[in-house]
C-alpha cells in the first residue's frame, strides 16, 4: 500500500496535484486510510495507464473516462468468462462436450 507521495515517487510521470485531480475525477479510486488515500498495485497500474493515455497518446480529458470505462468493462467480461469457463470445466466430460458443440454450432450460425 502506497500513499500519495509514494505513488508520485514510484510513477515519476505524475505530479501530486495531477494525482489528486485524477482521484477527484474518479479515474483512480484508492482506498481511504486514516491519513488519506492509500493506493494498491492495481491503482498504480491504472495511474500508469492514465499517464500513457494523457501524456504519450495525448488523449483529451473528456475521452479518458470513456476509455477507462471500456477497459473496465473488458476486464469485467474477462473475469465473467473465466468464471464461466471454470464452471464448464467442472462438469463431466459429456456435459463439457455438449457445451462446446452448442457453442460451435452457434458460431457457425452467426458466420
PDB file of N, CA and C in Angstrom:
ATOM      1  N   UNK A   1       0.833  -1.181   0.000  1.00  0.00           N
ATOM      2  CA  UNK A   1       0.000   0.000   0.000  1.00  0.00           C
ATOM      3  C   UNK A   1       0.885   1.253   0.000  1.00  0.00           C
ATOM      4  N   UNK A   2       0.510   2.188  -0.850  1.00  0.00           N
ATOM      5  CA  UNK A   2       1.295   3.409  -1.005  1.00  0.00           C
ATOM      6  C   UNK A   2       0.431   4.640  -0.732  1.00  0.00           C
ATOM      7  N   UNK A   3       1.069   5.659  -0.181  1.00  0.00           N
ATOM      8  CA  UNK A   3       0.401   6.946  -0.010  1.00  0.00           C
ATOM      9  C   UNK A   3       0.697   7.817  -1.229  1.00  0.00           C
ATOM     10  N   UNK A   4       0.020   8.953  -1.315  1.00  0.00           N
ATOM     11  CA  UNK A   4       0.138   9.818  -2.496  1.00  0.00           C
ATOM     12  C   UNK A   4       1.584  10.108  -2.887  1.00  0.00           C
ATOM     13  N   UNK A   5       2.368  10.537  -1.954  1.00  0.00           N
ATOM     14  CA  UNK A   5       3.758  10.910  -2.265  1.00  0.00           C
ATOM     15  C   UNK A   5       4.577   9.694  -2.705  1.00  0.00           C
ATOM     16  N   UNK A   6       4.259   8.521  -2.153  1.00  0.00           N
ATOM     17  CA  UNK A   6       4.931   7.292  -2.581  1.00  0.00           C
ATOM     18  C   UNK A   6       4.599   6.983  -4.037  1.00  0.00           C
ATOM     19  N   UNK A   7       3.338   7.192  -4.408  1.00  0.00           N
ATOM     20  CA  UNK A   7       2.896   6.934  -5.784  1.00  0.00           C
ATOM     21  C   UNK A   7       3.611   7.887  -6.742  1.00  0.00           C
ATOM     22  N   UNK A   8       3.661   9.161  -6.383  1.00  0.00           N
ATOM     23  CA  UNK A   8       4.326  10.152  -7.231  1.00  0.00           C
ATOM     24  C   UNK A   8       5.801   9.784  -7.409  1.00  0.00           C
ATOM     25  N   UNK A   9       6.439   9.334  -6.335  1.00  0.00           N
ATOM     26  CA  UNK A   9       7.849   8.941  -6.416  1.00  0.00           C
ATOM     27  C   UNK A   9       8.013   7.677  -7.260  1.00  0.00           C
ATOM     28  N   UNK A  10       7.078   6.751  -7.147  1.00  0.00           N
ATOM     29  CA  UNK A  10       7.182   5.478  -7.877  1.00  0.00           C
ATOM     30  C   UNK A  10       6.875   5.649  -9.362  1.00  0.00           C
ATOM     31  N   UNK A  11       5.880   6.437  -9.677  1.00  0.00           N
ATOM     32  CA  UNK A  11       5.458   6.587 -11.076  1.00  0.00           C
ATOM     33  C   UNK A  11       6.349   7.593 -11.807  1.00  0.00           C
ATOM     34  N   UNK A  12       6.694   8.668 -11.152  1.00  0.00           N
ATOM     35  CA  UNK A  12       7.606   9.701 -11.686  1.00  0.00           C
ATOM     36  C   UNK A  12       7.077  10.472 -12.887  1.00  0.00           C
ATOM     37  N   UNK A  13       5.946  10.104 -13.418  1.00  0.00           N
ATOM     38  CA  UNK A  13       5.381  10.806 -14.579  1.00  0.00           C
ATOM     39  C   UNK A  13       4.170  11.634 -14.176  1.00  0.00           C
ATOM     40  N   UNK A  14       3.916  11.695 -12.893  1.00  0.00           N
ATOM     41  CA  UNK A  14       2.738  12.398 -12.403  1.00  0.00           C
ATOM     42  C   UNK A  14       3.128  13.287 -11.231  1.00  0.00           C
ATOM     43  N   UNK A  15       2.472  14.417 -11.154  1.00  0.00           N
ATOM     44  CA  UNK A  15       2.676  15.320 -10.028  1.00  0.00           C
ATOM     45  C   UNK A  15       1.563  15.098  -9.020  1.00  0.00           C
ATOM     46  N   UNK A  16       1.800  15.502  -7.804  1.00  0.00           N
ATOM     47  CA  UNK A  16       0.827  15.303  -6.735  1.00  0.00           C
ATOM     48  C   UNK A  16      -0.519  15.941  -7.066  1.00  0.00           C
ATOM     49  N   UNK A  17      -0.493  17.138  -7.602  1.00  0.00           N
ATOM     50  CA  UNK A  17      -1.765  17.809  -7.930  1.00  0.00           C
ATOM     51  C   UNK A  17      -2.534  17.046  -9.014  1.00  0.00           C
ATOM     52  N   UNK A  18      -1.811  16.465  -9.983  1.00  0.00           N
ATOM     53  CA  UNK A  18      -2.465  15.656 -11.023  1.00  0.00           C
ATOM     54  C   UNK A  18      -3.111  14.420 -10.411  1.00  0.00           C
ATOM     55  N   UNK A  19      -2.346  13.755  -9.553  1.00  0.00           N
ATOM     56  CA  UNK A  19      -2.868  12.552  -8.900  1.00  0.00           C
ATOM     57  C   UNK A  19      -4.138  12.869  -8.136  1.00  0.00           C
ATOM     58  N   UNK A  20      -4.129  13.934  -7.389  1.00  0.00           N
ATOM     59  CA  UNK A  20      -5.325  14.326  -6.622  1.00  0.00           C
ATOM     60  C   UNK A  20      -6.492  14.654  -7.551  1.00  0.00           C
ATOM     61  N   UNK A  21      -6.205  15.297  -8.669  1.00  0.00           N
ATOM     62  CA  UNK A  21      -7.252  15.610  -9.636  1.00  0.00           C
ATOM     63  C   UNK A  21      -7.849  14.329 -10.223  1.00  0.00           C
ATOM     64  N   UNK A  22      -6.985  13.374 -10.570  1.00  0.00           N
ATOM     65  CA  UNK A  22      -7.456  12.114 -11.148  1.00  0.00           C
ATOM     66  C   UNK A  22      -8.312  11.335 -10.154  1.00  0.00           C
ATOM     67  N   UNK A  23      -7.953  11.400  -8.880  1.00  0.00           N
ATOM     68  CA  UNK A  23      -8.769  10.756  -7.849  1.00  0.00           C
ATOM     69  C   UNK A  23     -10.107  11.479  -7.743  1.00  0.00           C
ATOM     70  N   UNK A  24     -10.066  12.810  -7.742  1.00  0.00           N
ATOM     71  CA  UNK A  24     -11.291  13.611  -7.664  1.00  0.00           C
ATOM     72  C   UNK A  24     -12.216  13.326  -8.855  1.00  0.00           C
ATOM     73  N   UNK A  25     -11.626  13.131 -10.028  1.00  0.00           N
ATOM     74  CA  UNK A  25     -12.408  12.871 -11.236  1.00  0.00           C
ATOM     75  C   UNK A  25     -12.901  11.418 -11.302  1.00  0.00           C
ATOM     76  N   UNK A  26     -12.403  10.568 -10.401  1.00  0.00           N
ATOM     77  CA  UNK A  26     -12.834   9.179 -10.363  1.00  0.00           C
ATOM     78  C   UNK A  26     -12.069   8.272 -11.310  1.00  0.00           C
ATOM     79  N   UNK A  27     -10.997   8.760 -11.891  1.00  0.00           N
ATOM     80  CA  UNK A  27     -10.205   7.933 -12.798  1.00  0.00           C
ATOM     81  C   UNK A  27      -9.434   6.872 -12.030  1.00  0.00           C
ATOM     82  N   UNK A  28      -9.074   7.216 -10.794  1.00  0.00           N
ATOM     83  CA  UNK A  28      -8.394   6.293  -9.885  1.00  0.00           C
ATOM     84  C   UNK A  28      -9.198   6.313  -8.589  1.00  0.00           C
ATOM     85  N   UNK A  29      -9.434   5.132  -8.025  1.00  0.00           N
ATOM     86  CA  UNK A  29     -10.274   5.050  -6.828  1.00  0.00           C
ATOM     87  C   UNK A  29      -9.538   4.307  -5.708  1.00  0.00           C
ATOM     88  N   UNK A  30      -8.634   5.012  -5.030  1.00  0.00           N
ATOM     89  CA  UNK A  30      -7.887   4.368  -3.947  1.00  0.00           C
ATOM     90  C   UNK A  30      -8.765   4.142  -2.720  1.00  0.00           C
ATOM     91  N   UNK A  31      -8.305   3.266  -1.853  1.00  0.00           N
ATOM     92  CA  UNK A  31      -8.959   3.102  -0.552  1.00  0.00           C
ATOM     93  C   UNK A  31      -8.638   4.347   0.273  1.00  0.00           C
ATOM     94  N   UNK A  32      -9.460   4.610   1.249  1.00  0.00           N
ATOM     95  CA  UNK A  32      -9.220   5.757   2.119  1.00  0.00           C
ATOM     96  C   UNK A  32      -8.752   5.229   3.475  1.00  0.00           C
ATOM     97  N   UNK A  33      -7.522   5.591   3.825  1.00  0.00           N
ATOM     98  CA  UNK A  33      -6.954   5.201   5.105  1.00  0.00           C
ATOM     99  C   UNK A  33      -7.111   6.309   6.121  1.00  0.00           C
ATOM    100  N   UNK A  34      -6.554   6.101   7.290  1.00  0.00           N
ATOM    101  CA  UNK A  34      -6.652   7.097   8.362  1.00  0.00           C
ATOM    102  C   UNK A  34      -5.996   8.421   7.988  1.00  0.00           C
ATOM    103  N   UNK A  35      -4.928   8.350   7.179  1.00  0.00           N
ATOM    104  CA  UNK A  35      -4.229   9.589   6.828  1.00  0.00           C
ATOM    105  C   UNK A  35      -4.383   9.946   5.356  1.00  0.00           C
ATOM    106  N   UNK A  36      -5.468   9.483   4.738  1.00  0.00           N
ATOM    107  CA  UNK A  36      -5.734   9.859   3.352  1.00  0.00           C
ATOM    108  C   UNK A  36      -5.809   8.668   2.426  1.00  0.00           C
ATOM    109  N   UNK A  37      -5.773   8.929   1.120  1.00  0.00           N
ATOM    110  CA  UNK A  37      -5.885   7.847   0.151  1.00  0.00           C
ATOM    111  C   UNK A  37      -4.700   6.883   0.213  1.00  0.00           C
ATOM    112  N   UNK A  38      -5.013   5.611   0.011  1.00  0.00           N
ATOM    113  CA  UNK A  38      -3.999   4.565   0.010  1.00  0.00           C
ATOM    114  C   UNK A  38      -4.143   3.795  -1.293  1.00  0.00           C
ATOM    115  N   UNK A  39      -3.057   3.654  -2.025  1.00  0.00           N
ATOM    116  CA  UNK A  39      -3.069   3.062  -3.358  1.00  0.00           C
ATOM    117  C   UNK A  39      -2.455   1.664  -3.328  1.00  0.00           C
ATOM    118  N   UNK A  40      -3.082   0.737  -4.049  1.00  0.00           N
ATOM    119  CA  UNK A  40      -2.518  -0.609  -4.170  1.00  0.00           C
ATOM    120  C   UNK A  40      -1.896  -0.769  -5.561  1.00  0.00           C
ATOM    121  N   UNK A  41      -1.434  -1.977  -5.870  1.00  0.00           N
ATOM    122  CA  UNK A  41      -0.764  -2.232  -7.154  1.00  0.00           C
ATOM    123  C   UNK A  41      -1.666  -1.934  -8.343  1.00  0.00           C
ATOM    124  N   UNK A  42      -2.950  -2.291  -8.221  1.00  0.00           N
ATOM    125  CA  UNK A  42      -3.877  -2.028  -9.327  1.00  0.00           C
ATOM    126  C   UNK A  42      -4.071  -0.531  -9.550  1.00  0.00           C
ATOM    127  N   UNK A  43      -4.135   0.214  -8.460  1.00  0.00           N
ATOM    128  CA  UNK A  43      -4.255   1.678  -8.583  1.00  0.00           C
ATOM    129  C   UNK A  43      -3.037   2.254  -9.299  1.00  0.00           C
ATOM    130  N   UNK A  44      -1.853   1.775  -8.927  1.00  0.00           N
ATOM    131  CA  UNK A  44      -0.620   2.280  -9.551  1.00  0.00           C
ATOM    132  C   UNK A  44      -0.593   1.913 -11.037  1.00  0.00           C
ATOM    133  N   UNK A  45      -1.030   0.695 -11.369  1.00  0.00           N
ATOM    134  CA  UNK A  45      -1.088   0.290 -12.783  1.00  0.00           C
ATOM    135  C   UNK A  45      -2.060   1.189 -13.546  1.00  0.00           C
ATOM    136  N   UNK A  46      -3.184   1.514 -12.923  1.00  0.00           N
ATOM    137  CA  UNK A  46      -4.165   2.386 -13.574  1.00  0.00           C
ATOM    138  C   UNK A  46      -3.594   3.800 -13.753  1.00  0.00           C
ATOM    139  N   UNK A  47      -2.852   4.278 -12.763  1.00  0.00           N
ATOM    140  CA  UNK A  47      -2.215   5.592 -12.862  1.00  0.00           C
ATOM    141  C   UNK A  47      -1.220   5.597 -14.022  1.00  0.00           C
ATOM    142  N   UNK A  48      -0.462   4.532 -14.150  1.00  0.00           N
ATOM    143  CA  UNK A  48       0.480   4.433 -15.276  1.00  0.00           C
ATOM    144  C   UNK A  48      -0.271   4.425 -16.607  1.00  0.00           C
ATOM    145  N   UNK A  49      -1.397   3.720 -16.643  1.00  0.00           N
ATOM    146  CA  UNK A  49      -2.218   3.698 -17.849  1.00  0.00           C
ATOM    147  C   UNK A  49      -2.717   5.101 -18.189  1.00  0.00           C
ATOM    148  N   UNK A  50      -3.220   5.817 -17.193  1.00  0.00           N
ATOM    149  CA  UNK A  50      -3.706   7.177 -17.435  1.00  0.00           C
ATOM    150  C   UNK A  50      -2.551   8.069 -17.897  1.00  0.00           C
ATOM    151  N   UNK A  51      -1.368   7.876 -17.336  1.00  0.00           N
ATOM    152  CA  UNK A  51      -0.194   8.625 -17.817  1.00  0.00           C
ATOM    153  C   UNK A  51       0.046   8.336 -19.293  1.00  0.00           C
ATOM    154  N   UNK A  52      -0.028   7.067 -19.671  1.00  0.00           N
ATOM    155  CA  UNK A  52       0.147   6.708 -21.079  1.00  0.00           C
ATOM    156  C   UNK A  52      -0.911   7.379 -21.952  1.00  0.00           C
ATOM    157  N   UNK A  53      -2.158   7.317 -21.505  1.00  0.00           N
ATOM    158  CA  UNK A  53      -3.254   7.893 -22.292  1.00  0.00           C
ATOM    159  C   UNK A  53      -3.102   9.406 -22.438  1.00  0.00           C
ATOM    160  N   UNK A  54      -2.800  10.068 -21.336  1.00  0.00           N
ATOM    161  CA  UNK A  54      -2.744  11.530 -21.341  1.00  0.00           C
ATOM    162  C   UNK A  54      -1.443  12.069 -21.924  1.00  0.00           C
ATOM    163  N   UNK A  55      -0.326  11.473 -21.537  1.00  0.00           N
ATOM    164  CA  UNK A  55       0.967  12.056 -21.873  1.00  0.00           C
ATOM    165  C   UNK A  55       1.567  11.492 -23.157  1.00  0.00           C
ATOM    166  N   UNK A  56       1.437  10.186 -23.378  1.00  0.00           N
ATOM    167  CA  UNK A  56       2.016   9.580 -24.583  1.00  0.00           C
ATOM    168  C   UNK A  56       1.054   9.653 -25.766  1.00  0.00           C
ATOM    169  N   UNK A  57      -0.202   9.327 -25.520  1.00  0.00           N
ATOM    170  CA  UNK A  57      -1.191   9.303 -26.602  1.00  0.00           C
ATOM    171  C   UNK A  57      -1.934  10.620 -26.740  1.00  0.00           C
ATOM    172  N   UNK A  58      -1.702  11.547 -25.817  1.00  0.00           N
ATOM    173  CA  UNK A  58      -2.309  12.878 -25.809  1.00  0.00           C
ATOM    174  C   UNK A  58      -3.838  12.788 -25.957  1.00  0.00           C
ATOM    175  N   UNK A  59      -4.418  11.879 -25.202  1.00  0.00           N
ATOM    176  CA  UNK A  59      -5.874  11.701 -25.214  1.00  0.00           C
ATOM    177  C   UNK A  59      -6.532  12.885 -24.503  1.00  0.00           C
ATOM    178  N   UNK A  60      -7.564  13.472 -25.090  1.00  0.00           N
ATOM    179  CA  UNK A  60      -8.236  14.600 -24.441  1.00  0.00           C
ATOM    180  C   UNK A  60      -8.870  14.180 -23.109  1.00  0.00           C
ATOM    181  N   UNK A  61      -8.968  15.121 -22.206  1.00  0.00           N
ATOM    182  CA  UNK A  61      -9.506  14.862 -20.874  1.00  0.00           C
ATOM    183  C   UNK A  61     -10.872  14.202 -20.921  1.00  0.00           C
ATOM    184  N   UNK A  62     -11.744  14.664 -21.815  1.00  0.00           N
ATOM    185  CA  UNK A  62     -13.096  14.109 -21.860  1.00  0.00           C
ATOM    186  C   UNK A  62     -13.144  12.691 -22.423  1.00  0.00           C
ATOM    187  N   UNK A  63     -12.092  12.250 -23.083  1.00  0.00           N
ATOM    188  CA  UNK A  63     -12.055  10.889 -23.634  1.00  0.00           C
ATOM    189  C   UNK A  63     -11.537   9.865 -22.624  1.00  0.00           C
ATOM    190  N   UNK A  64     -10.787  10.326 -21.627  1.00  0.00           N
ATOM    191  CA  UNK A  64     -10.183   9.398 -20.659  1.00  0.00           C
ATOM    192  C   UNK A  64     -11.230   8.559 -19.936  1.00  0.00           C
ATOM    193  N   UNK A  65     -12.303   9.142 -19.383  1.00  0.00           N
ATOM    194  CA  UNK A  65     -13.272   8.292 -18.690  1.00  0.00           C
ATOM    195  C   UNK A  65     -13.946   7.284 -19.617  1.00  0.00           C
ATOM    196  N   UNK A  66     -14.097   7.632 -20.866  1.00  0.00           N
ATOM    197  CA  UNK A  66     -14.691   6.699 -21.833  1.00  0.00           C
ATOM    198  C   UNK A  66     -13.778   5.495 -22.029  1.00  0.00           C
ATOM    199  N   UNK A  67     -12.505   5.767 -22.248  1.00  0.00           N
ATOM    200  CA  UNK A  67     -11.529   4.686 -22.446  1.00  0.00           C
ATOM    201  C   UNK A  67     -11.434   3.833 -21.183  1.00  0.00           C
ATOM    202  N   UNK A  68     -11.346   4.474 -20.016  1.00  0.00           N
ATOM    203  CA  UNK A  68     -11.256   3.725 -18.765  1.00  0.00           C
ATOM    204  C   UNK A  68     -12.492   2.866 -18.539  1.00  0.00           C
ATOM    205  N   UNK A  69     -13.661   3.402 -18.843  1.00  0.00           N
ATOM    206  CA  UNK A  69     -14.901   2.635 -18.696  1.00  0.00           C
ATOM    207  C   UNK A  69     -14.909   1.417 -19.613  1.00  0.00           C
ATOM    208  N   UNK A  70     -14.496   1.613 -20.855  1.00  0.00           N
ATOM    209  CA  UNK A  70     -14.442   0.487 -21.795  1.00  0.00           C
ATOM    210  C   UNK A  70     -13.453  -0.578 -21.327  1.00  0.00           C
ATOM    211  N   UNK A  71     -12.299  -0.149 -20.846  1.00  0.00           N
ATOM    212  CA  UNK A  71     -11.315  -1.109 -20.331  1.00  0.00           C
ATOM    213  C   UNK A  71     -11.842  -1.838 -19.100  1.00  0.00           C
ATOM    214  N   UNK A  72     -12.534  -1.117 -18.224  1.00  0.00           N
ATOM    215  CA  UNK A  72     -13.134  -1.758 -17.045  1.00  0.00           C
ATOM    216  C   UNK A  72     -14.163  -2.807 -17.467  1.00  0.00           C
ATOM    217  N   UNK A  73     -14.960  -2.477 -18.498  1.00  0.00           N
ATOM    218  CA  UNK A  73     -15.948  -3.434 -18.996  1.00  0.00           C
ATOM    219  C   UNK A  73     -15.268  -4.672 -19.569  1.00  0.00           C
ATOM    220  N   UNK A  74     -14.185  -4.473 -20.314  1.00  0.00           N
ATOM    221  CA  UNK A  74     -13.447  -5.603 -20.880  1.00  0.00           C
ATOM    222  C   UNK A  74     -12.910  -6.501 -19.765  1.00  0.00           C
ATOM    223  N   UNK A  75     -12.330  -5.894 -18.751  1.00  0.00           N
ATOM    224  CA  UNK A  75     -11.794  -6.685 -17.634  1.00  0.00           C
ATOM    225  C   UNK A  75     -12.919  -7.426 -16.910  1.00  0.00           C
ATOM    226  N   UNK A  76     -14.057  -6.776 -16.749  1.00  0.00           N
ATOM    227  CA  UNK A  76     -15.195  -7.434 -16.110  1.00  0.00           C
ATOM    228  C   UNK A  76     -15.692  -8.619 -16.929  1.00  0.00           C
ATOM    229  N   UNK A  77     -15.771  -8.444 -18.233  1.00  0.00           N
ATOM    230  CA  UNK A  77     -16.194  -9.537 -19.104  1.00  0.00           C
ATOM    231  C   UNK A  77     -15.202 -10.691 -19.085  1.00  0.00           C
ATOM    232  N   UNK A  78     -13.925 -10.374 -19.064  1.00  0.00           N
ATOM    233  CA  UNK A  78     -12.895 -11.424 -18.985  1.00  0.00           C
ATOM    234  C   UNK A  78     -13.039 -12.207 -17.681  1.00  0.00           C
ATOM    235  N   UNK A  79     -13.302 -11.506 -16.576  1.00  0.00           N
ATOM    236  CA  UNK A  79     -13.490 -12.162 -15.281  1.00  0.00           C
ATOM    237  C   UNK A  79     -14.703 -13.088 -15.324  1.00  0.00           C
ATOM    238  N   UNK A  80     -15.796 -12.609 -15.917  1.00  0.00           N
ATOM    239  CA  UNK A  80     -17.001 -13.442 -16.041  1.00  0.00           C
ATOM    240  C   UNK A  80     -16.748 -14.650 -16.927  1.00  0.00           C
ATOM    241  N   UNK A  81     -16.023 -14.443 -18.022  1.00  0.00           N
ATOM    242  CA  UNK A  81     -15.714 -15.540 -18.935  1.00  0.00           C
ATOM    243  C   UNK A  81     -14.844 -16.596 -18.254  1.00  0.00           C
ATOM    244  N   UNK A  82     -13.870 -16.151 -17.449  1.00  0.00           N
ATOM    245  CA  UNK A  82     -13.050 -17.107 -16.689  1.00  0.00           C
ATOM    246  C   UNK A  82     -13.918 -17.908 -15.732  1.00  0.00           C
ATOM    247  N   UNK A  83     -14.866 -17.254 -15.096  1.00  0.00           N
ATOM    248  CA  UNK A  83     -15.779 -17.952 -14.181  1.00  0.00           C
ATOM    249  C   UNK A  83     -16.628 -18.968 -14.918  1.00  0.00           C
ATOM    250  N   UNK A  84     -17.143 -18.573 -16.069  1.00  0.00           N
ATOM    251  CA  UNK A  84     -17.949 -19.489 -16.870  1.00  0.00           C
ATOM    252  C   UNK A  84     -17.116 -20.668 -17.347  1.00  0.00           C
ATOM    253  N   UNK A  85     -15.903 -20.408 -17.804  1.00  0.00           N
ATOM    254  CA  UNK A  85     -15.015 -21.482 -18.256  1.00  0.00           C
ATOM    255  C   UNK A  85     -14.703 -22.433 -17.105  1.00  0.00           C
ATOM    256  N   UNK A  86     -14.512 -21.897 -15.927  1.00  0.00           N
ATOM    257  CA  UNK A  86     -14.273 -22.745 -14.753  1.00  0.00           C
ATOM    258  C   UNK A  86     -15.468 -23.609 -14.426  1.00  0.00           C
ATOM    259  N   UNK A  87     -16.662 -23.034 -14.554  1.00  0.00           N
ATOM    260  CA  UNK A  87     -17.888 -23.806 -14.292  1.00  0.00           C
ATOM    261  C   UNK A  87     -18.053 -24.920 -15.322  1.00  0.00           C
ATOM    262  N   UNK A  88     -17.758 -24.626 -16.577  1.00  0.00           N
ATOM    263  CA  UNK A  88     -17.852 -25.650 -17.626  1.00  0.00           C
ATOM    264  C   UNK A  88     -16.804 -26.734 -17.380  1.00  0.00           C
ATOM    265  N   UNK A  89     -15.595 -26.331 -17.018  1.00  0.00           N
ATOM    266  CA  UNK A  89     -14.520 -27.299 -16.736  1.00  0.00           C
ATOM    267  C   UNK A  89     -14.883 -28.244 -15.593  1.00  0.00           C
ATOM    268  N   UNK A  90     -15.679 -27.777 -14.656  1.00  0.00           N
ATOM    269  CA  UNK A  90     -16.049 -28.593 -13.501  1.00  0.00           C
ATOM    270  C   UNK A  90     -17.113 -29.642 -13.840  1.00  0.00           C
ATOM    271  N   UNK A  91     -17.662 -29.590 -15.045  1.00  0.00           N
ATOM    272  CA  UNK A  91     -18.713 -30.518 -15.447  1.00  0.00           C
ATOM    273  C   UNK A  91     -18.102 -31.831 -15.957  1.00  0.00           C
ATOM    274  N   UNK A  92     -18.902 -32.887 -15.945  1.00  0.00           N
ATOM    275  CA  UNK A  92     -18.426 -34.148 -16.522  1.00  0.00           C
ATOM    276  C   UNK A  92     -18.114 -33.966 -18.011  1.00  0.00           C
ATOM    277  N   UNK A  93     -17.258 -34.820 -18.542  1.00  0.00           N
ATOM    278  CA  UNK A  93     -16.786 -34.719 -19.924  1.00  0.00           C
ATOM    279  C   UNK A  93     -17.933 -34.619 -20.923  1.00  0.00           C
ATOM    280  N   UNK A  94     -18.984 -35.375 -20.718  1.00  0.00           N
ATOM    281  CA  UNK A  94     -20.115 -35.375 -21.660  1.00  0.00           C
ATOM    282  C   UNK A  94     -20.792 -33.998 -21.696  1.00  0.00           C
ATOM    283  N   UNK A  95     -20.952 -33.401 -20.546  1.00  0.00           N
ATOM    284  CA  UNK A  95     -21.581 -32.068 -20.467  1.00  0.00           C
ATOM    285  C   UNK A  95     -20.648 -31.026 -21.097  1.00  0.00           C
ATOM    286  N   UNK A  96     -19.351 -31.110 -20.780  1.00  0.00           N
ATOM    287  CA  UNK A  96     -18.383 -30.166 -21.380  1.00  0.00           C
ATOM    288  C   UNK A  96     -18.452 -30.234 -22.898  1.00  0.00           C
ATOM    289  N   UNK A  97     -18.477 -31.450 -23.434  1.00  0.00           N
ATOM    290  CA  UNK A  97     -18.506 -31.603 -24.888  1.00  0.00           C
ATOM    291  C   UNK A  97     -19.800 -31.061 -25.471  1.00  0.00           C
ATOM    292  N   UNK A  98     -20.906 -31.263 -24.779  1.00  0.00           N
ATOM    293  CA  UNK A  98     -22.194 -30.734 -25.252  1.00  0.00           C
ATOM    294  C   UNK A  98     -22.161 -29.203 -25.303  1.00  0.00           C
ATOM    295  N   UNK A  99     -21.557 -28.588 -24.309  1.00  0.00           N
ATOM    296  CA  UNK A  99     -21.447 -27.128 -24.288  1.00  0.00           C
ATOM    297  C   UNK A  99     -20.560 -26.653 -25.443  1.00  0.00           C
ATOM    298  N   UNK A 100     -19.442 -27.332 -25.654  1.00  0.00           N
ATOM    299  CA  UNK A 100     -18.532 -26.971 -26.752  1.00  0.00           C
ATOM    300  C   UNK A 100     -19.237 -27.114 -28.096  1.00  0.00           C
ATOM    301  N   UNK A 101     -19.955 -28.210 -28.284  1.00  0.00           N
ATOM    302  CA  UNK A 101     -20.672 -28.430 -29.543  1.00  0.00           C
ATOM    303  C   UNK A 101     -21.736 -27.354 -29.764  1.00  0.00           C
ATOM    304  N   UNK A 102     -22.481 -27.018 -28.715  1.00  0.00           N
ATOM    305  CA  UNK A 102     -23.521 -25.994 -28.831  1.00  0.00           C
ATOM    306  C   UNK A 102     -22.901 -24.636 -29.174  1.00  0.00           C
ATOM    307  N   UNK A 103     -21.764 -24.338 -28.550  1.00  0.00           N
ATOM    308  CA  UNK A 103     -21.075 -23.084 -28.817  1.00  0.00           C
ATOM    309  C   UNK A 103     -20.610 -23.014 -30.273  1.00  0.00           C
ATOM    310  N   UNK A 104     -19.988 -24.092 -30.741  1.00  0.00           N
ATOM    311  CA  UNK A 104     -19.518 -24.129 -32.129  1.00  0.00           C
ATOM    312  C   UNK A 104     -20.673 -23.994 -33.114  1.00  0.00           C
ATOM    313  N   UNK A 105     -21.789 -24.649 -32.830  1.00  0.00           N
ATOM    314  CA  UNK A 105     -22.959 -24.557 -33.702  1.00  0.00           C
ATOM    315  C   UNK A 105     -23.473 -23.120 -33.759  1.00  0.00           C
ATOM    316  N   UNK A 106     -23.461 -22.456 -32.628  1.00  0.00           N
ATOM    317  CA  UNK A 106     -23.940 -21.063 -32.573  1.00  0.00           C
ATOM    318  C   UNK A 106     -23.011 -20.149 -33.372  1.00  0.00           C
ATOM    319  N   UNK A 107     -21.716 -20.372 -33.252  1.00  0.00           N
ATOM    320  CA  UNK A 107     -20.736 -19.575 -34.002  1.00  0.00           C
ATOM    321  C   UNK A 107     -20.930 -19.797 -35.505  1.00  0.00           C
ATOM    322  N   UNK A 108     -21.143 -21.047 -35.908  1.00  0.00           N
ATOM    323  CA  UNK A 108     -21.361 -21.355 -37.309  1.00  0.00           C
ATOM    324  C   UNK A 108     -22.615 -20.671 -37.835  1.00  0.00           C
ATOM    325  N   UNK A 109     -23.666 -20.581 -37.029  1.00  0.00           N
ATOM    326  CA  UNK A 109     -24.907 -19.916 -37.427  1.00  0.00           C
ATOM    327  C   UNK A 109     -24.698 -18.423 -37.660  1.00  0.00           C
ATOM    328  N   UNK A 110     -23.859 -17.835 -36.828  1.00  0.00           N
ATOM    329  CA  UNK A 110     -23.624 -16.393 -36.923  1.00  0.00           C
ATOM    330  C   UNK A 110     -22.693 -16.021 -38.058  1.00  0.00           C
ATOM    331  N   UNK A 111     -21.922 -16.981 -38.568  1.00  0.00           N
ATOM    332  CA  UNK A 111     -20.953 -16.685 -39.621  1.00  0.00           C
ATOM    333  C   UNK A 111     -21.558 -16.577 -40.981  1.00  0.00           C
TER     334      UNK A 111
END
